[in-house]
Amino acid sequence: MTGLLVVRPGALTTVQDPGRPGYAHLGVPRSGALDSAAYALANRLLGNAPDAAALETTLDGVGLRSLAPSTVAVTGAPCSVRVSGRPVAWGAAVRLPAGAELEVGPAESGLRSYVAVRGGLAVPPVLGSRSTDLLSGLGPPVLSAGTLLPVGAAGPDPVPPADAWGLPGAPSELLLPLRPGPRADWFTPASLAGLWRARFRVSAMSNRIGLRTEGGTPLVRARAGELPSEGMVLGAVQVPPDGLPVVFLADHPVTGGYPVVGVVPPGPALNAAAQARPGAPVRFVRAR
């Protein structure tokens, strides 16, 4: 028998790949790895295809047993990595003998770690992706103890070197570049001007759907009423009635009725948002 057996699922561990973009018109969210740079690095370390499925852990890691010899790599939030109780490298390719247990420990900083295996996780794809989508329920279920994760055949490429330390760590302050619109005119000019000075915090209510904020000065509406539902994109900053911005992440809904004050472009800032812990300071800055 081959594959990885889940011994300890952790608080929230899901299978992720680049996601399933292109289905918003069917009501299907994009999904995919929140920290795309850390996910990509894990696959590069193993010589995997760029879209090979891997695990995304949340805060307290995961425990796996290798049922056949395999090679894995752990990236993202720095953490202890052990094989059958022996410390091994984080951010590097690590061999697992058959029967060995891989223990990925709690995040020492940041929030999400990525565990890739050479050959990728061969769970069945749904609409072209193996990602778990917490909002729609598409893809494999959240990991539970006893789950068997099949592993694909390793490619012909050798395991290449990569510099895991070249990626930025968890932010001490999350700076989110914001492009105003399309509904910035729903807020007072004074409120919009104050947004660039406001100091928010990451709320503990944040998840893969969106990063919620707290503690800052709420935005004030310039007009009453509600919008008809309209399309939402990755990085959209929606403002619910409490006036506290919500940054939409990979599992965001494809439509929404609250006004969007601006959009955070995909890239390093959203990767940093994936690693921002509750309580971390958040500021919005003008996108260049």
C-alpha atoms as a PDB file:
ATOM      1  CA  MET A   1       0.000   0.000   0.000  1.00  0.00           C
ATOM      2  CA  THR A   2       1.223   3.511  -0.801  1.00  0.00           C
ATOM      3  CA  GLY A   3       0.209   6.963   0.351  1.00  0.00           C
ATOM      4  CA  LEU A   4       0.149   9.031   3.525  1.00  0.00           C
ATOM      5  CA  LEU A   5      -2.056   8.082   6.474  1.00  0.00           C
ATOM      6  CA  VAL A   6      -3.359  10.924   8.654  1.00  0.00           C
ATOM      7  CA  VAL A   7      -2.422  10.245  12.279  1.00  0.00           C
ATOM      8  CA  ARG A   8      -3.122  13.723  13.674  1.00  0.00           C
ATOM      9  CA  PRO A   9      -5.246  16.030  11.486  1.00  0.00           C
ATOM     10  CA  GLY A  10      -4.512  19.272  13.330  1.00  0.00           C
ATOM     11  CA  ALA A  11      -6.927  22.135  13.861  1.00  0.00           C
ATOM     12  CA  LEU A  12      -7.673  22.615  10.155  1.00  0.00           C
ATOM     13  CA  THR A  13      -5.693  20.819   7.467  1.00  0.00           C
ATOM     14  CA  THR A  14      -6.909  20.833   3.872  1.00  0.00           C
ATOM     15  CA  VAL A  15      -5.695  19.702   0.468  1.00  0.00           C
ATOM     16  CA  GLN A  16      -4.854  22.681  -1.761  1.00  0.00           C
ATOM     17  CA  ASP A  17      -3.465  23.419  -5.217  1.00  0.00           C
ATOM     18  CA  PRO A  18      -3.715  26.603  -7.348  1.00  0.00           C
ATOM     19  CA  GLY A  19      -7.515  26.416  -7.134  1.00  0.00           C
ATOM     20  CA  ARG A  20     -10.344  26.354  -9.664  1.00  0.00           C
ATOM     21  CA  PRO A  21     -10.591  29.835 -11.241  1.00  0.00           C
ATOM     22  CA  GLY A  22     -12.991  30.424 -14.105  1.00  0.00           C
ATOM     23  CA  TYR A  23     -16.184  29.071 -12.550  1.00  0.00           C
ATOM     24  CA  ALA A  24     -17.526  32.171 -10.789  1.00  0.00           C
ATOM     25  CA  HIS A  25     -20.397  32.320 -13.284  1.00  0.00           C
ATOM     26  CA  LEU A  26     -21.487  28.947 -11.901  1.00  0.00           C
ATOM     27  CA  GLY A  27     -21.243  30.159  -8.288  1.00  0.00           C
ATOM     28  CA  VAL A  28     -17.996  28.260  -7.646  1.00  0.00           C
ATOM     29  CA  PRO A  29     -15.280  30.103  -5.660  1.00  0.00           C
ATOM     30  CA  ARG A  30     -11.634  30.113  -6.721  1.00  0.00           C
ATOM     31  CA  SER A  31     -10.228  28.389  -3.590  1.00  0.00           C
ATOM     32  CA  GLY A  32      -6.582  27.228  -3.653  1.00  0.00           C
ATOM     33  CA  ALA A  33      -3.550  27.703  -1.389  1.00  0.00           C
ATOM     34  CA  LEU A  34      -3.741  30.967   0.574  1.00  0.00           C
ATOM     35  CA  ASP A  35       0.025  31.518   0.666  1.00  0.00           C
ATOM     36  CA  SER A  36       0.731  30.814  -2.987  1.00  0.00           C
ATOM     37  CA  ALA A  37       4.479  31.519  -2.703  1.00  0.00           C
ATOM     38  CA  ALA A  38       5.002  29.034   0.154  1.00  0.00           C
ATOM     39  CA  TYR A  39       2.893  26.428  -1.674  1.00  0.00           C
ATOM     40  CA  ALA A  40       4.887  26.903  -4.883  1.00  0.00           C
ATOM     41  CA  LEU A  41       8.181  26.598  -3.014  1.00  0.00           C
ATOM     42  CA  ALA A  42       7.153  23.277  -1.430  1.00  0.00           C
ATOM     43  CA  ASN A  43       6.537  21.828  -4.882  1.00  0.00           C
ATOM     44  CA  ARG A  44       9.755  23.275  -6.324  1.00  0.00           C
ATOM     45  CA  LEU A  45      11.771  21.650  -3.547  1.00  0.00           C
ATOM     46  CA  LEU A  46      10.468  18.257  -4.686  1.00  0.00           C
ATOM     47  CA  GLY A  47      10.577  18.712  -8.442  1.00  0.00           C
ATOM     48  CA  ASN A  48       6.774  18.506  -8.567  1.00  0.00           C
ATOM     49  CA  ALA A  49       4.567  20.025 -11.216  1.00  0.00           C
ATOM     50  CA  PRO A  50       3.520  23.570 -10.230  1.00  0.00           C
ATOM     51  CA  ASP A  51      -0.091  22.447  -9.743  1.00  0.00           C
ATOM     52  CA  ALA A  52       0.655  19.386  -7.588  1.00  0.00           C
ATOM     53  CA  ALA A  53      -1.720  19.168  -4.628  1.00  0.00           C
ATOM     54  CA  ALA A  54      -0.283  19.614  -1.121  1.00  0.00           C
ATOM     55  CA  LEU A  55      -1.532  20.066   2.430  1.00  0.00           C
ATOM     56  CA  GLU A  56      -2.231  23.435   4.044  1.00  0.00           C
ATOM     57  CA  THR A  57      -2.120  23.290   7.856  1.00  0.00           C
ATOM     58  CA  THR A  58      -3.469  25.890  10.268  1.00  0.00           C
ATOM     59  CA  LEU A  59      -1.561  26.871  13.412  1.00  0.00           C
ATOM     60  CA  ASP A  60      -0.812  23.451  14.964  1.00  0.00           C
ATOM     61  CA  GLY A  61       0.504  21.351  12.075  1.00  0.00           C
ATOM     62  CA  VAL A  62      -0.318  17.742  11.203  1.00  0.00           C
ATOM     63  CA  GLY A  63       0.899  14.178  11.795  1.00  0.00           C
ATOM     64  CA  LEU A  64       1.250  11.704   8.909  1.00  0.00           C
ATOM     65  CA  ARG A  65       2.522   8.127   8.454  1.00  0.00           C
ATOM     66  CA  SER A  66       4.224   7.225   5.191  1.00  0.00           C
ATOM     67  CA  LEU A  67       3.038   3.830   3.957  1.00  0.00           C
ATOM     68  CA  ALA A  68       5.845   3.601   1.389  1.00  0.00           C
ATOM     69  CA  PRO A  69       9.176   5.407   0.953  1.00  0.00           C
ATOM     70  CA  SER A  70       8.508   9.025  -0.004  1.00  0.00           C
ATOM     71  CA  THR A  71      10.018  12.501   0.008  1.00  0.00           C
ATOM     72  CA  VAL A  72       8.293  15.511   1.576  1.00  0.00           C
ATOM     73  CA  ALA A  73       8.949  19.198   2.162  1.00  0.00           C
ATOM     74  CA  VAL A  74       7.440  21.625   4.692  1.00  0.00           C
ATOM     75  CA  THR A  75       7.305  25.376   3.987  1.00  0.00           C
ATOM     76  CA  GLY A  76       5.176  28.366   4.962  1.00  0.00           C
ATOM     77  CA  ALA A  77       4.998  29.165   8.662  1.00  0.00           C
ATOM     78  CA  PRO A  78       8.261  28.029  10.307  1.00  0.00           C
ATOM     79  CA  CYS A  79       7.746  25.020  12.591  1.00  0.00           C
ATOM     80  CA  SER A  80       9.506  21.985  13.987  1.00  0.00           C
ATOM     81  CA  VAL A  81       9.585  18.960  11.661  1.00  0.00           C
ATOM     82  CA  ARG A  82      10.319  15.461  12.955  1.00  0.00           C
ATOM     83  CA  VAL A  83      10.508  12.038  11.347  1.00  0.00           C
ATOM     84  CA  SER A  84       9.776   9.240  13.837  1.00  0.00           C
ATOM     85  CA  GLY A  85      10.829  11.607  16.631  1.00  0.00           C
ATOM     86  CA  ARG A  86      14.070  12.761  14.984  1.00  0.00           C
ATOM     87  CA  PRO A  87      14.401  16.467  14.055  1.00  0.00           C
ATOM     88  CA  VAL A  88      14.769  17.104  10.317  1.00  0.00           C
ATOM     89  CA  ALA A  89      14.947  20.202   8.153  1.00  0.00           C
ATOM     90  CA  TRP A  90      12.140  22.661   7.542  1.00  0.00           C
ATOM     91  CA  GLY A  91      12.211  24.142   4.044  1.00  0.00           C
ATOM     92  CA  ALA A  92      14.085  21.205   2.479  1.00  0.00           C
ATOM     93  CA  ALA A  93      13.397  17.837   0.889  1.00  0.00           C
ATOM     94  CA  VAL A  94      13.231  15.083   3.543  1.00  0.00           C
ATOM     95  CA  ARG A  95      13.120  11.321   2.927  1.00  0.00           C
ATOM     96  CA  LEU A  96      10.510   9.239   4.750  1.00  0.00           C
ATOM     97  CA  PRO A  97      11.124   5.474   5.006  1.00  0.00           C
ATOM     98  CA  ALA A  98       8.095   3.221   4.823  1.00  0.00           C
ATOM     99  CA  GLY A  99       6.245   3.308   8.140  1.00  0.00           C
ATOM    100  CA  ALA A 100       7.895   6.526   9.318  1.00  0.00           C
ATOM    101  CA  GLU A 101       5.779   9.179  11.010  1.00  0.00           C
ATOM    102  CA  LEU A 102       6.110  12.813   9.959  1.00  0.00           C
ATOM    103  CA  GLU A 103       5.221  15.287  12.712  1.00  0.00           C
ATOM    104  CA  VAL A 104       4.766  18.896  11.591  1.00  0.00           C
ATOM    105  CA  GLY A 105       4.634  20.991  14.755  1.00  0.00           C
ATOM    106  CA  PRO A 106       2.842  24.211  15.676  1.00  0.00           C
ATOM    107  CA  ALA A 107       3.648  27.351  13.719  1.00  0.00           C
ATOM    108  CA  GLU A 108       6.372  29.304  15.515  1.00  0.00           C
ATOM    109  CA  SER A 109       5.345  32.438  13.627  1.00  0.00           C
ATOM    110  CA  GLY A 110       2.692  32.924  11.019  1.00  0.00           C
ATOM    111  CA  LEU A 111      -0.338  30.710  10.687  1.00  0.00           C
ATOM    112  CA  ARG A 112      -0.220  28.254   7.774  1.00  0.00           C
ATOM    113  CA  SER A 113       2.372  25.646   6.785  1.00  0.00           C
ATOM    114  CA  TYR A 114       2.483  23.632   3.557  1.00  0.00           C
ATOM    115  CA  VAL A 115       3.347  19.938   3.369  1.00  0.00           C
ATOM    116  CA  ALA A 116       4.120  18.652  -0.124  1.00  0.00           C
ATOM    117  CA  VAL A 117       5.030  15.088  -1.124  1.00  0.00           C
ATOM    118  CA  ARG A 118       6.992  14.161  -4.237  1.00  0.00           C
ATOM    119  CA  GLY A 119       4.433  13.137  -6.849  1.00  0.00           C
ATOM    120  CA  GLY A 120       1.699  15.297  -5.302  1.00  0.00           C
ATOM    121  CA  LEU A 121      -1.466  14.201  -3.536  1.00  0.00           C
ATOM    122  CA  ALA A 122      -3.578  12.209  -5.989  1.00  0.00           C
ATOM    123  CA  VAL A 123      -7.032  12.853  -4.524  1.00  0.00           C
ATOM    124  CA  PRO A 124      -9.774  13.035  -7.186  1.00  0.00           C
ATOM    125  CA  PRO A 125     -10.039  16.465  -8.858  1.00  0.00           C
ATOM    126  CA  VAL A 126     -13.323  18.372  -8.926  1.00  0.00           C
ATOM    127  CA  LEU A 127     -13.736  20.885 -11.778  1.00  0.00           C
ATOM    128  CA  GLY A 128     -10.051  20.495 -12.536  1.00  0.00           C
ATOM    129  CA  SER A 129      -8.772  21.154  -9.011  1.00  0.00           C
ATOM    130  CA  ARG A 130      -7.984  19.093  -5.924  1.00  0.00           C
ATOM    131  CA  SER A 131      -8.496  22.043  -3.548  1.00  0.00           C
ATOM    132  CA  THR A 132     -10.763  21.830  -0.529  1.00  0.00           C
ATOM    133  CA  ASP A 133     -13.251  24.714  -0.662  1.00  0.00           C
ATOM    134  CA  LEU A 134     -14.678  25.467   2.779  1.00  0.00           C
ATOM    135  CA  LEU A 135     -17.444  27.699   1.421  1.00  0.00           C
ATOM    136  CA  SER A 136     -18.932  25.484  -1.308  1.00  0.00           C
ATOM    137  CA  GLY A 137     -17.849  22.104   0.084  1.00  0.00           C
ATOM    138  CA  LEU A 138     -16.197  21.090  -3.197  1.00  0.00           C
ATOM    139  CA  GLY A 139     -13.038  19.003  -3.157  1.00  0.00           C
ATOM    140  CA  PRO A 140     -11.816  16.534  -0.539  1.00  0.00           C
ATOM    141  CA  PRO A 141     -13.104  16.941   3.016  1.00  0.00           C
ATOM    142  CA  VAL A 142     -11.071  18.561   5.768  1.00  0.00           C
ATOM    143  CA  LEU A 143      -8.556  16.007   7.018  1.00  0.00           C
ATOM    144  CA  SER A 144      -9.540  13.654   9.825  1.00  0.00           C
ATOM    145  CA  ALA A 145      -7.625  10.916  11.615  1.00  0.00           C
ATOM    146  CA  GLY A 146      -7.431   7.734   9.558  1.00  0.00           C
ATOM    147  CA  THR A 147      -7.749   9.432   6.167  1.00  0.00           C
ATOM    148  CA  LEU A 148      -5.548   7.839   3.502  1.00  0.00           C
ATOM    149  CA  LEU A 149      -4.045  10.333   1.072  1.00  0.00           C
ATOM    150  CA  PRO A 150      -2.958   8.725  -2.223  1.00  0.00           C
ATOM    151  CA  VAL A 151       0.303   9.957  -3.738  1.00  0.00           C
ATOM    152  CA  GLY A 152       0.958  10.344  -7.456  1.00  0.00           C
ATOM    153  CA  ALA A 153       3.938   9.036  -9.385  1.00  0.00           C
ATOM    154  CA  ALA A 154       7.092  11.113  -9.011  1.00  0.00           C
ATOM    155  CA  GLY A 155       8.192  12.971 -12.126  1.00  0.00           C
ATOM    156  CA  PRO A 156      11.510  12.391 -13.904  1.00  0.00           C
ATOM    157  CA  ASP A 157      13.099  15.628 -12.684  1.00  0.00           C
ATOM    158  CA  PRO A 158      15.586  15.433  -9.800  1.00  0.00           C
ATOM    159  CA  VAL A 159      14.819  17.234  -6.557  1.00  0.00           C
ATOM    160  CA  PRO A 160      16.182  20.769  -7.135  1.00  0.00           C
ATOM    161  CA  PRO A 161      17.660  23.054  -4.510  1.00  0.00           C
ATOM    162  CA  ALA A 162      15.616  26.075  -3.375  1.00  0.00           C
ATOM    163  CA  ASP A 163      16.071  28.862  -0.868  1.00  0.00           C
ATOM    164  CA  ALA A 164      13.236  28.627   1.642  1.00  0.00           C
ATOM    165  CA  TRP A 165      14.670  31.533   3.607  1.00  0.00           C
ATOM    166  CA  GLY A 166      14.153  33.820   0.628  1.00  0.00           C
ATOM    167  CA  LEU A 167      10.442  34.044   1.406  1.00  0.00           C
ATOM    168  CA  PRO A 168       9.273  36.743   3.838  1.00  0.00           C
ATOM    169  CA  GLY A 169       8.190  35.604   7.275  1.00  0.00           C
ATOM    170  CA  ALA A 170       4.942  36.365   9.085  1.00  0.00           C
ATOM    171  CA  PRO A 171       4.292  40.124   9.102  1.00  0.00           C
ATOM    172  CA  SER A 172       4.607  42.076  12.358  1.00  0.00           C
ATOM    173  CA  GLU A 173       2.280  44.576  10.670  1.00  0.00           C
ATOM    174  CA  LEU A 174       0.117  43.659   7.690  1.00  0.00           C
ATOM    175  CA  LEU A 175       0.297  46.381   5.020  1.00  0.00           C
ATOM    176  CA  LEU A 176      -2.380  45.912   2.375  1.00  0.00           C
ATOM    177  CA  PRO A 177      -2.106  47.959  -0.850  1.00  0.00           C
ATOM    178  CA  LEU A 178      -5.592  49.062  -1.833  1.00  0.00           C
ATOM    179  CA  ARG A 179      -6.982  50.179  -5.178  1.00  0.00           C
ATOM    180  CA  PRO A 180     -10.131  52.204  -4.360  1.00  0.00           C
ATOM    181  CA  GLY A 181     -13.423  51.196  -5.965  1.00  0.00           C
ATOM    182  CA  PRO A 182     -15.742  50.107  -7.351  1.00  0.00           C
ATOM    183  CA  ARG A 183     -18.009  51.366  -4.521  1.00  0.00           C
ATOM    184  CA  ALA A 184     -15.753  53.856  -2.740  1.00  0.00           C
ATOM    185  CA  ASP A 185     -18.402  56.518  -3.449  1.00  0.00           C
ATOM    186  CA  TRP A 186     -20.676  54.779  -0.941  1.00  0.00           C
ATOM    187  CA  PHE A 187     -18.520  56.171   1.886  1.00  0.00           C
ATOM    188  CA  THR A 188     -18.025  59.737   3.081  1.00  0.00           C
ATOM    189  CA  PRO A 189     -14.910  61.601   1.872  1.00  0.00           C
ATOM    190  CA  ALA A 190     -13.779  62.026   5.484  1.00  0.00           C
ATOM    191  CA  SER A 191     -14.175  58.301   6.091  1.00  0.00           C
ATOM    192  CA  LEU A 192     -12.161  57.421   2.977  1.00  0.00           C
ATOM    193  CA  ALA A 193      -9.418  59.852   3.953  1.00  0.00           C
ATOM    194  CA  GLY A 194      -9.350  58.311   7.424  1.00  0.00           C
ATOM    195  CA  LEU A 195      -8.959  54.803   5.993  1.00  0.00           C
ATOM    196  CA  TRP A 196      -5.293  55.535   5.161  1.00  0.00           C
ATOM    197  CA  ARG A 197      -4.664  56.524   8.793  1.00  0.00           C
ATOM    198  CA  ALA A 198      -6.758  53.834  10.463  1.00  0.00           C
ATOM    199  CA  ARG A 199      -5.104  51.079  12.510  1.00  0.00           C
ATOM    200  CA  PHE A 200      -7.014  47.816  12.464  1.00  0.00           C
ATOM    201  CA  ARG A 201      -6.218  44.366  13.872  1.00  0.00           C
ATOM    202  CA  VAL A 202      -6.743  40.904  12.427  1.00  0.00           C
ATOM    203  CA  SER A 203      -9.878  39.452  13.983  1.00  0.00           C
ATOM    204  CA  ALA A 204     -10.014  35.927  15.401  1.00  0.00           C
ATOM    205  CA  MET A 205     -13.105  35.485  13.185  1.00  0.00           C
ATOM    206  CA  SER A 206     -10.860  35.395  10.096  1.00  0.00           C
ATOM    207  CA  ASN A 207     -10.678  32.217   7.999  1.00  0.00           C
ATOM    208  CA  ARG A 208      -9.995  31.034   4.451  1.00  0.00           C
ATOM    209  CA  ILE A 209     -13.050  32.945   3.252  1.00  0.00           C
ATOM    210  CA  GLY A 210     -11.911  36.352   4.463  1.00  0.00           C
ATOM    211  CA  LEU A 211      -9.620  38.259   6.772  1.00  0.00           C
ATOM    212  CA  ARG A 212     -11.856  40.199   9.135  1.00  0.00           C
ATOM    213  CA  THR A 213     -10.640  43.328  10.892  1.00  0.00           C
ATOM    214  CA  GLU A 214     -11.398  44.848  14.269  1.00  0.00           C
ATOM    215  CA  GLY A 215     -10.316  47.724  16.460  1.00  0.00           C
ATOM    216  CA  GLY A 216     -10.030  50.454  13.838  1.00  0.00           C
ATOM    217  CA  THR A 217     -12.264  53.406  13.025  1.00  0.00           C
ATOM    218  CA  PRO A 218     -15.315  52.077  11.136  1.00  0.00           C
ATOM    219  CA  LEU A 219     -16.017  53.463   7.677  1.00  0.00           C
ATOM    220  CA  VAL A 220     -19.113  55.660   7.491  1.00  0.00           C
ATOM    221  CA  ARG A 221     -21.608  55.336   4.658  1.00  0.00           C
ATOM    222  CA  ALA A 222     -22.480  58.336   2.506  1.00  0.00           C
ATOM    223  CA  ARG A 223     -25.705  56.729   1.342  1.00  0.00           C
ATOM    224  CA  ALA A 224     -28.321  54.391   2.759  1.00  0.00           C
ATOM    225  CA  GLY A 225     -29.757  51.212   1.344  1.00  0.00           C
ATOM    226  CA  GLU A 226     -28.111  48.088   0.003  1.00  0.00           C
ATOM    227  CA  LEU A 227     -26.664  47.057  -3.319  1.00  0.00           C
ATOM    228  CA  PRO A 228     -28.035  44.249  -5.441  1.00  0.00           C
ATOM    229  CA  SER A 229     -25.614  41.341  -5.261  1.00  0.00           C
ATOM    230  CA  GLU A 230     -22.660  41.823  -7.599  1.00  0.00           C
ATOM    231  CA  GLY A 231     -19.533  39.906  -8.482  1.00  0.00           C
ATOM    232  CA  MET A 232     -16.678  39.614  -5.970  1.00  0.00           C
ATOM    233  CA  VAL A 233     -13.013  38.993  -6.738  1.00  0.00           C
ATOM    234  CA  LEU A 234     -10.021  37.742  -4.762  1.00  0.00           C
ATOM    235  CA  GLY A 235      -8.745  40.613  -2.600  1.00  0.00           C
ATOM    236  CA  ALA A 236     -12.018  42.576  -2.636  1.00  0.00           C
ATOM    237  CA  VAL A 237     -12.409  44.633   0.564  1.00  0.00           C
ATOM    238  CA  GLN A 238     -16.074  44.493   1.468  1.00  0.00           C
ATOM    239  CA  VAL A 239     -17.518  46.700   4.196  1.00  0.00           C
ATOM    240  CA  PRO A 240     -20.447  45.219   6.160  1.00  0.00           C
ATOM    241  CA  PRO A 241     -22.824  47.355   8.254  1.00  0.00           C
ATOM    242  CA  ASP A 242     -20.382  47.544  11.203  1.00  0.00           C
ATOM    243  CA  GLY A 243     -17.991  49.514   8.970  1.00  0.00           C
ATOM    244  CA  LEU A 244     -15.014  47.197   9.564  1.00  0.00           C
ATOM    245  CA  PRO A 245     -13.349  45.984   6.324  1.00  0.00           C
ATOM    246  CA  VAL A 246     -13.259  42.316   5.330  1.00  0.00           C
ATOM    247  CA  VAL A 247     -10.571  41.226   2.845  1.00  0.00           C
ATOM    248  CA  PHE A 248     -11.815  38.348   0.698  1.00  0.00           C
ATOM    249  CA  LEU A 249      -9.408  35.403   0.449  1.00  0.00           C
ATOM    250  CA  ALA A 250      -9.369  32.223  -1.654  1.00  0.00           C
ATOM    251  CA  ASP A 251     -12.685  30.683  -0.509  1.00  0.00           C
ATOM    252  CA  HIS A 252     -14.636  33.958  -0.835  1.00  0.00           C
ATOM    253  CA  PRO A 253     -18.211  34.010  -2.184  1.00  0.00           C
ATOM    254  CA  VAL A 254     -18.507  34.934  -5.839  1.00  0.00           C
ATOM    255  CA  THR A 255     -21.219  37.547  -5.194  1.00  0.00           C
ATOM    256  CA  GLY A 256     -22.066  39.923  -2.355  1.00  0.00           C
ATOM    257  CA  GLY A 257     -24.333  42.815  -1.509  1.00  0.00           C
ATOM    258  CA  TYR A 258     -22.149  44.959   0.761  1.00  0.00           C
ATOM    259  CA  PRO A 259     -20.160  47.730  -0.952  1.00  0.00           C
ATOM    260  CA  VAL A 260     -16.538  47.064  -1.916  1.00  0.00           C
ATOM    261  CA  VAL A 261     -14.387  50.040  -0.933  1.00  0.00           C
ATOM    262  CA  GLY A 262     -11.353  48.730  -2.841  1.00  0.00           C
ATOM    263  CA  VAL A 263      -9.358  45.712  -3.956  1.00  0.00           C
ATOM    264  CA  VAL A 264      -6.022  44.352  -2.728  1.00  0.00           C
ATOM    265  CA  PRO A 265      -4.180  43.037  -5.823  1.00  0.00           C
ATOM    266  CA  PRO A 266      -3.134  39.369  -5.786  1.00  0.00           C
ATOM    267  CA  GLY A 267       0.490  38.847  -4.826  1.00  0.00           C
ATOM    268  CA  PRO A 268       2.773  39.240  -1.808  1.00  0.00           C
ATOM    269  CA  ALA A 269       0.259  41.192   0.290  1.00  0.00           C
ATOM    270  CA  LEU A 270      -2.384  38.460   0.116  1.00  0.00           C
ATOM    271  CA  ASN A 271       0.286  35.836   0.830  1.00  0.00           C
ATOM    272  CA  ALA A 272       1.185  37.848   3.939  1.00  0.00           C
ATOM    273  CA  ALA A 273      -2.504  38.006   4.884  1.00  0.00           C
ATOM    274  CA  ALA A 274      -2.529  34.186   4.874  1.00  0.00           C
ATOM    275  CA  GLN A 275       0.134  34.224   7.607  1.00  0.00           C
ATOM    276  CA  ALA A 276      -1.243  37.098   9.747  1.00  0.00           C
ATOM    277  CA  ARG A 277      -2.343  35.891  13.172  1.00  0.00           C
ATOM    278  CA  PRO A 278      -5.313  37.291  15.123  1.00  0.00           C
ATOM    279  CA  GLY A 279      -4.309  40.540  16.801  1.00  0.00           C
ATOM    280  CA  ALA A 280      -1.707  41.474  14.184  1.00  0.00           C
ATOM    281  CA  PRO A 281      -1.897  45.184  13.190  1.00  0.00           C
ATOM    282  CA  VAL A 282      -3.411  45.928   9.772  1.00  0.00           C
ATOM    283  CA  ARG A 283      -3.073  49.082   7.697  1.00  0.00           C
ATOM    284  CA  PHE A 284      -4.316  49.927   4.226  1.00  0.00           C
ATOM    285  CA  VAL A 285      -1.975  51.891   1.955  1.00  0.00           C
ATOM    286  CA  ARG A 286      -2.530  53.273  -1.537  1.00  0.00           C
ATOM    287  CA  ALA A 287      -1.605  50.739  -4.217  1.00  0.00           C
ATOM    288  CA  ARG A 288       1.022  51.979  -6.652  1.00  0.00           C
END
